[in-house]
Amino acid sequence: MITIEKLKIYEYYDGSIGKFEHAKNIHLKKMSGHEFGIINNIVQDIKLMRKGMTSKSFEEQIIQRIDALCENDDIKAYLLKLSM
């Protein structure tokens, strides 16, 4: 599940999995590298959608994935902000 706290951690590391995985701090206890990667993939997919580089069926899959991983609209809004 994606949370605001995890999105803030993702933002702190500017979406860099390398920086995140080399960190030696509390963030590693709050979010796994796998979760970081999931957020990164969704952010990249949203960017592709915004550029019109995806099919309608892929867009539907992205939206379904976001709905499944985000429990409320605040989290979805933060995720969209990160994909700007």
PDB file of N, CA and C in Angstrom:
ATOM      1  N   MET A   1       0.837  -1.179   0.000  1.00  0.00           N
ATOM      2  CA  MET A   1       0.000   0.000   0.000  1.00  0.00           C
ATOM      3  C   MET A   1       0.887   1.248   0.000  1.00  0.00           C
ATOM      4  N   ILE A   2       0.545   2.178  -0.845  1.00  0.00           N
ATOM      5  CA  ILE A   2       1.271   3.448  -0.915  1.00  0.00           C
ATOM      6  C   ILE A   2       0.663   4.394   0.114  1.00  0.00           C
ATOM      7  N   THR A   3       1.533   5.050   0.874  1.00  0.00           N
ATOM      8  CA  THR A   3       1.096   6.016   1.880  1.00  0.00           C
ATOM      9  C   THR A   3       1.748   7.370   1.595  1.00  0.00           C
ATOM     10  N   ILE A   4       1.219   8.407   2.225  1.00  0.00           N
ATOM     11  CA  ILE A   4       1.817   9.734   2.100  1.00  0.00           C
ATOM     12  C   ILE A   4       3.268   9.695   2.595  1.00  0.00           C
ATOM     13  N   GLU A   5       3.498   8.991   3.691  1.00  0.00           N
ATOM     14  CA  GLU A   5       4.851   8.911   4.242  1.00  0.00           C
ATOM     15  C   GLU A   5       5.824   8.300   3.228  1.00  0.00           C
ATOM     16  N   LYS A   6       5.399   7.245   2.535  1.00  0.00           N
ATOM     17  CA  LYS A   6       6.263   6.609   1.537  1.00  0.00           C
ATOM     18  C   LYS A   6       6.492   7.531   0.347  1.00  0.00           C
ATOM     19  N   LEU A   7       5.479   8.284  -0.037  1.00  0.00           N
ATOM     20  CA  LEU A   7       5.653   9.235  -1.139  1.00  0.00           C
ATOM     21  C   LEU A   7       6.614  10.349  -0.759  1.00  0.00           C
ATOM     22  N   LYS A   8       6.580  10.766   0.500  1.00  0.00           N
ATOM     23  CA  LYS A   8       7.512  11.791   0.960  1.00  0.00           C
ATOM     24  C   LYS A   8       8.949  11.258   0.941  1.00  0.00           C
ATOM     25  N   ILE A   9       9.117  10.011   1.308  1.00  0.00           N
ATOM     26  CA  ILE A   9      10.452   9.391   1.254  1.00  0.00           C
ATOM     27  C   ILE A   9      10.916   9.333  -0.198  1.00  0.00           C
ATOM     28  N   TYR A  10      10.031   8.905  -1.099  1.00  0.00           N
ATOM     29  CA  TYR A  10      10.360   8.853  -2.527  1.00  0.00           C
ATOM     30  C   TYR A  10      10.783  10.234  -3.025  1.00  0.00           C
ATOM     31  N   GLU A  11      10.044  11.245  -2.639  1.00  0.00           N
ATOM     32  CA  GLU A  11      10.342  12.612  -3.049  1.00  0.00           C
ATOM     33  C   GLU A  11      11.689  13.076  -2.466  1.00  0.00           C
ATOM     34  N   TYR A  12      11.963  12.723  -1.222  1.00  0.00           N
ATOM     35  CA  TYR A  12      13.211  13.101  -0.555  1.00  0.00           C
ATOM     36  C   TYR A  12      14.425  12.629  -1.369  1.00  0.00           C
ATOM     37  N   TYR A  13      14.319  11.435  -1.953  1.00  0.00           N
ATOM     38  CA  TYR A  13      15.417  10.868  -2.735  1.00  0.00           C
ATOM     39  C   TYR A  13      15.290  11.174  -4.227  1.00  0.00           C
ATOM     40  N   ASP A  14      14.406  12.097  -4.578  1.00  0.00           N
ATOM     41  CA  ASP A  14      14.218  12.525  -5.976  1.00  0.00           C
ATOM     42  C   ASP A  14      13.961  11.344  -6.914  1.00  0.00           C
ATOM     43  N   GLY A  15      13.317  10.307  -6.401  1.00  0.00           N
ATOM     44  CA  GLY A  15      13.008   9.157  -7.237  1.00  0.00           C
ATOM     45  C   GLY A  15      14.204   8.284  -7.573  1.00  0.00           C
ATOM     46  N   SER A  16      15.327   8.482  -6.909  1.00  0.00           N
ATOM     47  CA  SER A  16      16.536   7.712  -7.191  1.00  0.00           C
ATOM     48  C   SER A  16      16.622   6.486  -6.290  1.00  0.00           C
ATOM     49  N   ILE A  17      16.403   5.322  -6.876  1.00  0.00           N
ATOM     50  CA  ILE A  17      16.480   4.075  -6.107  1.00  0.00           C
ATOM     51  C   ILE A  17      17.893   3.866  -5.580  1.00  0.00           C
ATOM     52  N   GLY A  18      18.895   4.294  -6.333  1.00  0.00           N
ATOM     53  CA  GLY A  18      20.282   4.151  -5.894  1.00  0.00           C
ATOM     54  C   GLY A  18      20.558   4.931  -4.623  1.00  0.00           C
ATOM     55  N   LYS A  19      20.116   6.183  -4.594  1.00  0.00           N
ATOM     56  CA  LYS A  19      20.298   6.993  -3.384  1.00  0.00           C
ATOM     57  C   LYS A  19      19.554   6.377  -2.211  1.00  0.00           C
ATOM     58  N   PHE A  20      18.343   5.895  -2.475  1.00  0.00           N
ATOM     59  CA  PHE A  20      17.533   5.302  -1.411  1.00  0.00           C
ATOM     60  C   PHE A  20      18.200   4.056  -0.846  1.00  0.00           C
ATOM     61  N   GLU A  21      18.656   3.177  -1.712  1.00  0.00           N
ATOM     62  CA  GLU A  21      19.239   1.914  -1.259  1.00  0.00           C
ATOM     63  C   GLU A  21      20.576   2.103  -0.553  1.00  0.00           C
ATOM     64  N   HIS A  22      21.262   3.210  -0.821  1.00  0.00           N
ATOM     65  CA  HIS A  22      22.529   3.466  -0.147  1.00  0.00           C
ATOM     66  C   HIS A  22      22.355   4.253   1.144  1.00  0.00           C
ATOM     67  N   ALA A  23      21.136   4.645   1.421  1.00  0.00           N
ATOM     68  CA  ALA A  23      20.884   5.408   2.651  1.00  0.00           C
ATOM     69  C   ALA A  23      21.038   4.495   3.862  1.00  0.00           C
ATOM     70  N   LYS A  24      21.554   5.048   4.908  1.00  0.00           N
ATOM     71  CA  LYS A  24      21.713   4.284   6.145  1.00  0.00           C
ATOM     72  C   LYS A  24      20.907   4.988   7.235  1.00  0.00           C
ATOM     73  N   ASN A  25      19.617   5.045   7.027  1.00  0.00           N
ATOM     74  CA  ASN A  25      18.784   5.750   7.996  1.00  0.00           C
ATOM     75  C   ASN A  25      17.437   5.075   8.184  1.00  0.00           C
ATOM     76  N   ILE A  26      16.585   5.731   8.903  1.00  0.00           N
ATOM     77  CA  ILE A  26      15.283   5.188   9.277  1.00  0.00           C
ATOM     78  C   ILE A  26      14.371   4.932   8.091  1.00  0.00           C
ATOM     79  N   HIS A  27      14.588   5.614   6.986  1.00  0.00           N
ATOM     80  CA  HIS A  27      13.730   5.432   5.816  1.00  0.00           C
ATOM     81  C   HIS A  27      13.702   3.979   5.353  1.00  0.00           C
ATOM     82  N   LEU A  28      14.828   3.296   5.500  1.00  0.00           N
ATOM     83  CA  LEU A  28      14.884   1.902   5.059  1.00  0.00           C
ATOM     84  C   LEU A  28      13.992   0.996   5.906  1.00  0.00           C
ATOM     85  N   LYS A  29      13.650   1.432   7.095  1.00  0.00           N
ATOM     86  CA  LYS A  29      12.762   0.638   7.944  1.00  0.00           C
ATOM     87  C   LYS A  29      11.301   0.928   7.641  1.00  0.00           C
ATOM     88  N   LYS A  30      11.032   2.030   6.963  1.00  0.00           N
ATOM     89  CA  LYS A  30       9.652   2.435   6.678  1.00  0.00           C
ATOM     90  C   LYS A  30       9.195   2.020   5.293  1.00  0.00           C
ATOM     91  N   MET A  31      10.132   1.740   4.394  1.00  0.00           N
ATOM     92  CA  MET A  31       9.778   1.391   3.029  1.00  0.00           C
ATOM     93  C   MET A  31      10.872   0.516   2.430  1.00  0.00           C
ATOM     94  N   SER A  32      10.483  -0.511   1.721  1.00  0.00           N
ATOM     95  CA  SER A  32      11.455  -1.396   1.082  1.00  0.00           C
ATOM     96  C   SER A  32      11.852  -0.843  -0.289  1.00  0.00           C
ATOM     97  N   GLY A  33      12.947  -1.350  -0.805  1.00  0.00           N
ATOM     98  CA  GLY A  33      13.364  -0.987  -2.155  1.00  0.00           C
ATOM     99  C   GLY A  33      12.328  -1.396  -3.181  1.00  0.00           C
ATOM    100  N   HIS A  34      11.641  -2.506  -2.919  1.00  0.00           N
ATOM    101  CA  HIS A  34      10.572  -2.967  -3.814  1.00  0.00           C
ATOM    102  C   HIS A  34       9.439  -1.942  -3.864  1.00  0.00           C
ATOM    103  N   GLU A  35       9.038  -1.436  -2.709  1.00  0.00           N
ATOM    104  CA  GLU A  35       7.979  -0.426  -2.663  1.00  0.00           C
ATOM    105  C   GLU A  35       8.421   0.857  -3.364  1.00  0.00           C
ATOM    106  N   PHE A  36       9.671   1.239  -3.162  1.00  0.00           N
ATOM    107  CA  PHE A  36      10.221   2.417  -3.834  1.00  0.00           C
ATOM    108  C   PHE A  36      10.117   2.225  -5.343  1.00  0.00           C
ATOM    109  N   GLY A  37      10.456   1.038  -5.808  1.00  0.00           N
ATOM    110  CA  GLY A  37      10.383   0.726  -7.236  1.00  0.00           C
ATOM    111  C   GLY A  37       8.965   0.777  -7.776  1.00  0.00           C
ATOM    112  N   ILE A  38       8.006   0.306  -6.993  1.00  0.00           N
ATOM    113  CA  ILE A  38       6.599   0.359  -7.414  1.00  0.00           C
ATOM    114  C   ILE A  38       6.173   1.810  -7.607  1.00  0.00           C
ATOM    115  N   ILE A  39       6.507   2.654  -6.641  1.00  0.00           N
ATOM    116  CA  ILE A  39       6.159   4.083  -6.755  1.00  0.00           C
ATOM    117  C   ILE A  39       6.839   4.676  -7.983  1.00  0.00           C
ATOM    118  N   ASN A  40       8.102   4.369  -8.175  1.00  0.00           N
ATOM    119  CA  ASN A  40       8.840   4.896  -9.319  1.00  0.00           C
ATOM    120  C   ASN A  40       8.197   4.468 -10.636  1.00  0.00           C
ATOM    121  N   ASN A  41       7.801   3.228 -10.738  1.00  0.00           N
ATOM    122  CA  ASN A  41       7.165   2.736 -11.962  1.00  0.00           C
ATOM    123  C   ASN A  41       5.850   3.457 -12.228  1.00  0.00           C
ATOM    124  N   ILE A  42       5.056   3.658 -11.192  1.00  0.00           N
ATOM    125  CA  ILE A  42       3.779   4.348 -11.367  1.00  0.00           C
ATOM    126  C   ILE A  42       4.010   5.795 -11.787  1.00  0.00           C
ATOM    127  N   VAL A  43       4.966   6.461 -11.167  1.00  0.00           N
ATOM    128  CA  VAL A  43       5.276   7.852 -11.528  1.00  0.00           C
ATOM    129  C   VAL A  43       5.690   7.917 -12.999  1.00  0.00           C
ATOM    130  N   GLN A  44       6.537   6.997 -13.428  1.00  0.00           N
ATOM    131  CA  GLN A  44       6.978   6.987 -14.828  1.00  0.00           C
ATOM    132  C   GLN A  44       5.812   6.697 -15.772  1.00  0.00           C
ATOM    133  N   ASP A  45       4.927   5.784 -15.389  1.00  0.00           N
ATOM    134  CA  ASP A  45       3.759   5.467 -16.213  1.00  0.00           C
ATOM    135  C   ASP A  45       2.830   6.672 -16.345  1.00  0.00           C
ATOM    136  N   ILE A  46       2.635   7.401 -15.261  1.00  0.00           N
ATOM    137  CA  ILE A  46       1.790   8.601 -15.305  1.00  0.00           C
ATOM    138  C   ILE A  46       2.415   9.638 -16.241  1.00  0.00           C
ATOM    139  N   LYS A  47       3.729   9.780 -16.183  1.00  0.00           N
ATOM    140  CA  LYS A  47       4.409  10.726 -17.085  1.00  0.00           C
ATOM    141  C   LYS A  47       4.178  10.346 -18.546  1.00  0.00           C
ATOM    142  N   LEU A  48       4.247   9.070 -18.841  1.00  0.00           N
ATOM    143  CA  LEU A  48       3.994   8.608 -20.208  1.00  0.00           C
ATOM    144  C   LEU A  48       2.545   8.897 -20.618  1.00  0.00           C
ATOM    145  N   MET A  49       1.621   8.673 -19.695  1.00  0.00           N
ATOM    146  CA  MET A  49       0.204   8.963 -19.968  1.00  0.00           C
ATOM    147  C   MET A  49       0.024  10.433 -20.308  1.00  0.00           C
ATOM    148  N   ARG A  50       0.625  11.297 -19.514  1.00  0.00           N
ATOM    149  CA  ARG A  50       0.480  12.744 -19.718  1.00  0.00           C
ATOM    150  C   ARG A  50       1.041  13.193 -21.067  1.00  0.00           C
ATOM    151  N   LYS A  51       2.036  12.485 -21.554  1.00  0.00           N
ATOM    152  CA  LYS A  51       2.622  12.817 -22.852  1.00  0.00           C
ATOM    153  C   LYS A  51       1.849  12.174 -24.006  1.00  0.00           C
ATOM    154  N   GLY A  52       0.812  11.396 -23.676  1.00  0.00           N
ATOM    155  CA  GLY A  52       0.021  10.744 -24.715  1.00  0.00           C
ATOM    156  C   GLY A  52       0.741   9.583 -25.373  1.00  0.00           C
ATOM    157  N   MET A  53       1.639   8.956 -24.634  1.00  0.00           N
ATOM    158  CA  MET A  53       2.453   7.879 -25.189  1.00  0.00           C
ATOM    159  C   MET A  53       1.976   6.490 -24.779  1.00  0.00           C
ATOM    160  N   THR A  54       0.734   6.385 -24.318  1.00  0.00           N
ATOM    161  CA  THR A  54       0.201   5.093 -23.884  1.00  0.00           C
ATOM    162  C   THR A  54      -1.130   4.822 -24.579  1.00  0.00           C
ATOM    163  N   SER A  55      -1.459   3.560 -24.659  1.00  0.00           N
ATOM    164  CA  SER A  55      -2.759   3.172 -25.215  1.00  0.00           C
ATOM    165  C   SER A  55      -3.839   3.342 -24.150  1.00  0.00           C
ATOM    166  N   LYS A  56      -5.075   3.358 -24.584  1.00  0.00           N
ATOM    167  CA  LYS A  56      -6.198   3.470 -23.642  1.00  0.00           C
ATOM    168  C   LYS A  56      -6.206   2.289 -22.680  1.00  0.00           C
ATOM    169  N   SER A  57      -5.930   1.106 -23.170  1.00  0.00           N
ATOM    170  CA  SER A  57      -5.956  -0.071 -22.291  1.00  0.00           C
ATOM    171  C   SER A  57      -4.848   0.010 -21.237  1.00  0.00           C
ATOM    172  N   PHE A  58      -3.682   0.522 -21.617  1.00  0.00           N
ATOM    173  CA  PHE A  58      -2.594   0.678 -20.649  1.00  0.00           C
ATOM    174  C   PHE A  58      -2.950   1.741 -19.617  1.00  0.00           C
ATOM    175  N   GLU A  59      -3.572   2.831 -20.062  1.00  0.00           N
ATOM    176  CA  GLU A  59      -4.017   3.869 -19.141  1.00  0.00           C
ATOM    177  C   GLU A  59      -5.006   3.306 -18.125  1.00  0.00           C
ATOM    178  N   GLU A  60      -5.908   2.472 -18.579  1.00  0.00           N
ATOM    179  CA  GLU A  60      -6.874   1.839 -17.675  1.00  0.00           C
ATOM    180  C   GLU A  60      -6.167   0.960 -16.655  1.00  0.00           C
ATOM    181  N   GLN A  61      -5.140   0.246 -17.091  1.00  0.00           N
ATOM    182  CA  GLN A  61      -4.367  -0.598 -16.172  1.00  0.00           C
ATOM    183  C   GLN A  61      -3.658   0.254 -15.123  1.00  0.00           C
ATOM    184  N   ILE A  62      -3.099   1.374 -15.552  1.00  0.00           N
ATOM    185  CA  ILE A  62      -2.407   2.267 -14.621  1.00  0.00           C
ATOM    186  C   ILE A  62      -3.389   2.793 -13.575  1.00  0.00           C
ATOM    187  N   ILE A  63      -4.552   3.234 -14.031  1.00  0.00           N
ATOM    188  CA  ILE A  63      -5.563   3.772 -13.122  1.00  0.00           C
ATOM    189  C   ILE A  63      -6.031   2.705 -12.141  1.00  0.00           C
ATOM    190  N   GLN A  64      -6.227   1.493 -12.613  1.00  0.00           N
ATOM    191  CA  GLN A  64      -6.618   0.396 -11.726  1.00  0.00           C
ATOM    192  C   GLN A  64      -5.531   0.107 -10.701  1.00  0.00           C
ATOM    193  N   ARG A  65      -4.301   0.153 -11.136  1.00  0.00           N
ATOM    194  CA  ARG A  65      -3.174  -0.098 -10.224  1.00  0.00           C
ATOM    195  C   ARG A  65      -3.102   0.986  -9.148  1.00  0.00           C
ATOM    196  N   ILE A  66      -3.268   2.239  -9.554  1.00  0.00           N
ATOM    197  CA  ILE A  66      -3.263   3.345  -8.600  1.00  0.00           C
ATOM    198  C   ILE A  66      -4.401   3.180  -7.599  1.00  0.00           C
ATOM    199  N   ASP A  67      -5.586   2.856  -8.094  1.00  0.00           N
ATOM    200  CA  ASP A  67      -6.748   2.659  -7.209  1.00  0.00           C
ATOM    201  C   ASP A  67      -6.496   1.529  -6.207  1.00  0.00           C
ATOM    202  N   ALA A  68      -5.812   0.483  -6.650  1.00  0.00           N
ATOM    203  CA  ALA A  68      -5.549  -0.659  -5.775  1.00  0.00           C
ATOM    204  C   ALA A  68      -4.483  -0.342  -4.721  1.00  0.00           C
ATOM    205  N   LEU A  69      -3.540   0.527  -5.050  1.00  0.00           N
ATOM    206  CA  LEU A  69      -2.416   0.800  -4.150  1.00  0.00           C
ATOM    207  C   LEU A  69      -2.591   2.036  -3.274  1.00  0.00           C
ATOM    208  N   CYS A  70      -3.542   2.902  -3.612  1.00  0.00           N
ATOM    209  CA  CYS A  70      -3.762   4.148  -2.868  1.00  0.00           C
ATOM    210  C   CYS A  70      -5.131   4.103  -2.209  1.00  0.00           C
ATOM    211  N   GLU A  71      -5.157   4.284  -0.906  1.00  0.00           N
ATOM    212  CA  GLU A  71      -6.423   4.133  -0.203  1.00  0.00           C
ATOM    213  C   GLU A  71      -7.300   5.375  -0.185  1.00  0.00           C
ATOM    214  N   ASN A  72      -6.742   6.540  -0.572  1.00  0.00           N
ATOM    215  CA  ASN A  72      -7.595   7.737  -0.597  1.00  0.00           C
ATOM    216  C   ASN A  72      -7.110   8.733  -1.643  1.00  0.00           C
ATOM    217  N   ASP A  73      -7.933   9.758  -1.861  1.00  0.00           N
ATOM    218  CA  ASP A  73      -7.649  10.743  -2.897  1.00  0.00           C
ATOM    219  C   ASP A  73      -6.448  11.623  -2.580  1.00  0.00           C
ATOM    220  N   ASP A  74      -6.145  11.838  -1.304  1.00  0.00           N
ATOM    221  CA  ASP A  74      -4.969  12.628  -0.932  1.00  0.00           C
ATOM    222  C   ASP A  74      -3.689  11.946  -1.407  1.00  0.00           C
ATOM    223  N   ILE A  75      -3.640  10.651  -1.260  1.00  0.00           N
ATOM    224  CA  ILE A  75      -2.465   9.894  -1.699  1.00  0.00           C
ATOM    225  C   ILE A  75      -2.370   9.935  -3.222  1.00  0.00           C
ATOM    226  N   LYS A  76      -3.498   9.781  -3.893  1.00  0.00           N
ATOM    227  CA  LYS A  76      -3.503   9.843  -5.365  1.00  0.00           C
ATOM    228  C   LYS A  76      -3.051  11.220  -5.839  1.00  0.00           C
ATOM    229  N   ALA A  77      -3.497  12.276  -5.189  1.00  0.00           N
ATOM    230  CA  ALA A  77      -3.115  13.630  -5.569  1.00  0.00           C
ATOM    231  C   ALA A  77      -1.616  13.846  -5.395  1.00  0.00           C
ATOM    232  N   TYR A  78      -1.059  13.337  -4.311  1.00  0.00           N
ATOM    233  CA  TYR A  78       0.384  13.467  -4.052  1.00  0.00           C
ATOM    234  C   TYR A  78       1.162  12.711  -5.144  1.00  0.00           C
ATOM    235  N   LEU A  79       0.691  11.530  -5.471  1.00  0.00           N
ATOM    236  CA  LEU A  79       1.327  10.727  -6.511  1.00  0.00           C
ATOM    237  C   LEU A  79       1.305  11.476  -7.846  1.00  0.00           C
ATOM    238  N   LEU A  80       0.195  12.094  -8.175  1.00  0.00           N
ATOM    239  CA  LEU A  80       0.103  12.870  -9.415  1.00  0.00           C
ATOM    240  C   LEU A  80       1.043  14.068  -9.379  1.00  0.00           C
ATOM    241  N   LYS A  81       1.175  14.702  -8.216  1.00  0.00           N
ATOM    242  CA  LYS A  81       2.085  15.841  -8.063  1.00  0.00           C
ATOM    243  C   LYS A  81       3.531  15.399  -8.335  1.00  0.00           C
ATOM    244  N   LEU A  82       3.887  14.231  -7.846  1.00  0.00           N
ATOM    245  CA  LEU A  82       5.250  13.731  -8.043  1.00  0.00           C
ATOM    246  C   LEU A  82       5.542  13.418  -9.512  1.00  0.00           C
ATOM    247  N   SER A  83       4.515  13.205 -10.294  1.00  0.00           N
ATOM    248  CA  SER A  83       4.708  12.844 -11.699  1.00  0.00           C
ATOM    249  C   SER A  83       4.723  14.068 -12.614  1.00  0.00           C
ATOM    250  N   MET A  84       4.721  15.254 -12.040  1.00  0.00           N
ATOM    251  CA  MET A  84       4.747  16.485 -12.849  1.00  0.00           C
ATOM    252  C   MET A  84       6.130  16.728 -13.394  1.00  0.00           C
TER     253      MET A  84
END
